[in-house]
Amino acid sequence: RSSSVAAGSGFVKRAKVASTTVGTNGEVLYKAGDKTGSAYLYIRNLQAADSDIVTVYEATNNDTILKIKGGEFAFLPIDTTSTFHAIVSTGDDIVEYGVFGTDSSSVRYS
């Protein structure tokens, strides 16, 4: 079985993430409404140690979506009506991420 991913735009970014606690202004990976239709999140933990964990959470309820160890990555569909943040287990770890989909002109990042 095969499938395709439709995306009209996207980006890949590396960021030093300072936040280590869910709900404390983690790195904004995606803002609700930024994409129309489907959207896909790519995230990679650039740290080497298994003990260096990146946690992705949904910002409204602070629900954990996934945790990835050092050297791991994930590519997953996301709910375009939710905002997603990332935190790290050790402050100032570097995370690589991107969101792919069709842009909505109504959302701007600050």
Protein backbone atom coordinates (compact mmCIF):
# COMPACT_ATOMS: atom_id res chain seq x y z
CA ARG A 1 0.00 0.00 0.00
CA SER A 2 1.32 3.46 -0.80
CA SER A 3 0.32 6.97 0.09
CA SER A 4 1.50 10.46 -0.68
CA VAL A 5 2.08 13.54 1.41
CA ALA A 6 0.75 16.77 -0.07
CA ALA A 7 2.64 19.88 1.02
CA GLY A 8 2.84 23.24 -0.66
CA SER A 9 5.34 24.72 1.78
CA GLY A 10 7.53 23.94 4.74
CA PHE A 11 10.76 24.72 6.53
CA VAL A 12 13.50 23.07 8.57
CA LYS A 13 15.00 24.92 11.49
CA ARG A 14 17.50 24.25 14.27
CA ALA A 15 16.90 25.81 17.65
CA LYS A 16 18.54 25.78 21.05
CA VAL A 17 15.71 24.93 23.44
CA ALA A 18 16.02 26.31 26.97
CA SER A 19 12.74 25.12 28.50
CA THR A 20 12.76 21.85 30.46
CA THR A 21 9.20 21.88 31.85
CA VAL A 22 5.92 21.32 30.00
CA GLY A 23 3.81 24.46 29.94
CA THR A 24 6.73 26.88 30.39
CA ASN A 25 7.02 28.42 26.93
CA GLY A 26 8.79 25.60 25.14
CA GLU A 27 9.99 26.10 21.57
CA VAL A 28 6.96 26.74 19.34
CA LEU A 29 7.01 24.07 16.65
CA TYR A 30 3.64 24.87 15.11
CA LYS A 31 0.92 27.50 15.73
CA ALA A 32 -2.73 26.47 15.40
CA GLY A 33 -4.15 27.36 12.02
CA ASP A 34 -0.79 27.92 10.30
CA LYS A 35 -1.56 25.21 7.73
CA THR A 36 -4.79 24.34 5.96
CA GLY A 37 -5.86 20.76 5.39
CA SER A 38 -3.13 18.33 6.45
CA ALA A 39 0.21 19.16 8.09
CA TYR A 40 3.23 17.05 8.99
CA LEU A 41 5.79 17.61 11.75
CA TYR A 42 9.41 16.49 11.39
CA ILE A 43 11.50 16.64 14.57
CA ARG A 44 15.02 15.37 15.29
CA ASN A 45 16.91 15.26 18.57
CA LEU A 46 20.47 16.33 17.73
CA GLN A 47 21.90 15.22 21.07
CA ALA A 48 23.79 11.90 21.17
CA ALA A 49 22.85 10.50 24.59
CA ASP A 50 19.70 8.41 25.10
CA SER A 51 19.15 10.33 28.32
CA ASP A 52 18.69 13.62 26.39
CA ILE A 53 14.95 13.57 25.70
CA VAL A 54 12.91 15.95 23.54
CA THR A 55 9.24 16.09 24.49
CA VAL A 56 6.61 17.43 22.09
CA TYR A 57 3.38 18.58 23.68
CA GLU A 58 0.07 20.14 22.67
CA ALA A 59 0.00 23.60 24.24
CA THR A 60 -3.67 24.01 25.20
CA ASN A 61 -3.86 21.05 27.59
CA ASN A 62 -0.11 20.38 27.93
CA ASP A 63 -0.69 16.83 26.64
CA THR A 64 2.51 14.99 25.72
CA ILE A 65 2.43 13.86 22.09
CA LEU A 66 5.80 12.11 21.88
CA LYS A 67 9.25 11.77 23.42
CA ILE A 68 12.38 11.09 21.41
CA LYS A 69 15.84 10.11 22.67
CA GLY A 70 19.15 11.49 21.47
CA GLY A 71 19.78 10.72 17.80
CA GLU A 72 16.15 9.82 17.09
CA PHE A 73 13.67 11.58 14.82
CA ALA A 74 9.95 11.48 14.07
CA PHE A 75 7.73 12.44 11.15
CA LEU A 76 4.03 12.52 11.93
CA PRO A 77 0.75 14.09 10.89
CA ILE A 78 -0.50 16.77 13.29
CA ASP A 79 -3.84 18.38 14.10
CA THR A 80 -3.73 21.77 12.36
CA THR A 81 -6.10 23.26 14.96
CA SER A 82 -3.62 22.72 17.83
CA THR A 83 -0.38 24.47 18.83
CA PHE A 84 2.68 22.29 19.53
CA HIS A 85 5.77 23.07 21.62
CA ALA A 86 8.98 21.20 22.44
CA ILE A 87 10.99 21.00 25.65
CA VAL A 88 14.25 19.23 26.43
CA SER A 89 15.49 17.26 29.42
CA THR A 90 18.72 19.27 29.56
CA GLY A 91 18.46 23.02 28.94
CA ASP A 92 19.99 24.42 25.75
CA ASP A 93 19.88 21.16 23.79
CA ILE A 94 19.55 21.66 20.04
CA VAL A 95 16.48 20.39 18.20
CA GLU A 96 15.88 20.30 14.45
CA TYR A 97 12.28 20.55 13.27
CA GLY A 98 10.03 21.45 10.39
CA VAL A 99 6.35 21.59 9.49
CA PHE A 100 5.09 20.83 6.00
CA GLY A 101 1.65 21.54 4.53
CA THR A 102 -0.27 24.30 2.79
CA ASP A 103 0.21 27.72 4.39
CA SER A 104 -2.64 29.76 5.79
CA SER A 105 -2.11 33.48 5.34
CA SER A 106 -3.94 34.25 8.61
CA VAL A 107 -1.27 33.05 11.09
CA ARG A 108 2.01 34.85 11.79
CA TYR A 109 4.83 33.84 14.11
CA SER A 110 6.33 36.46 16.39
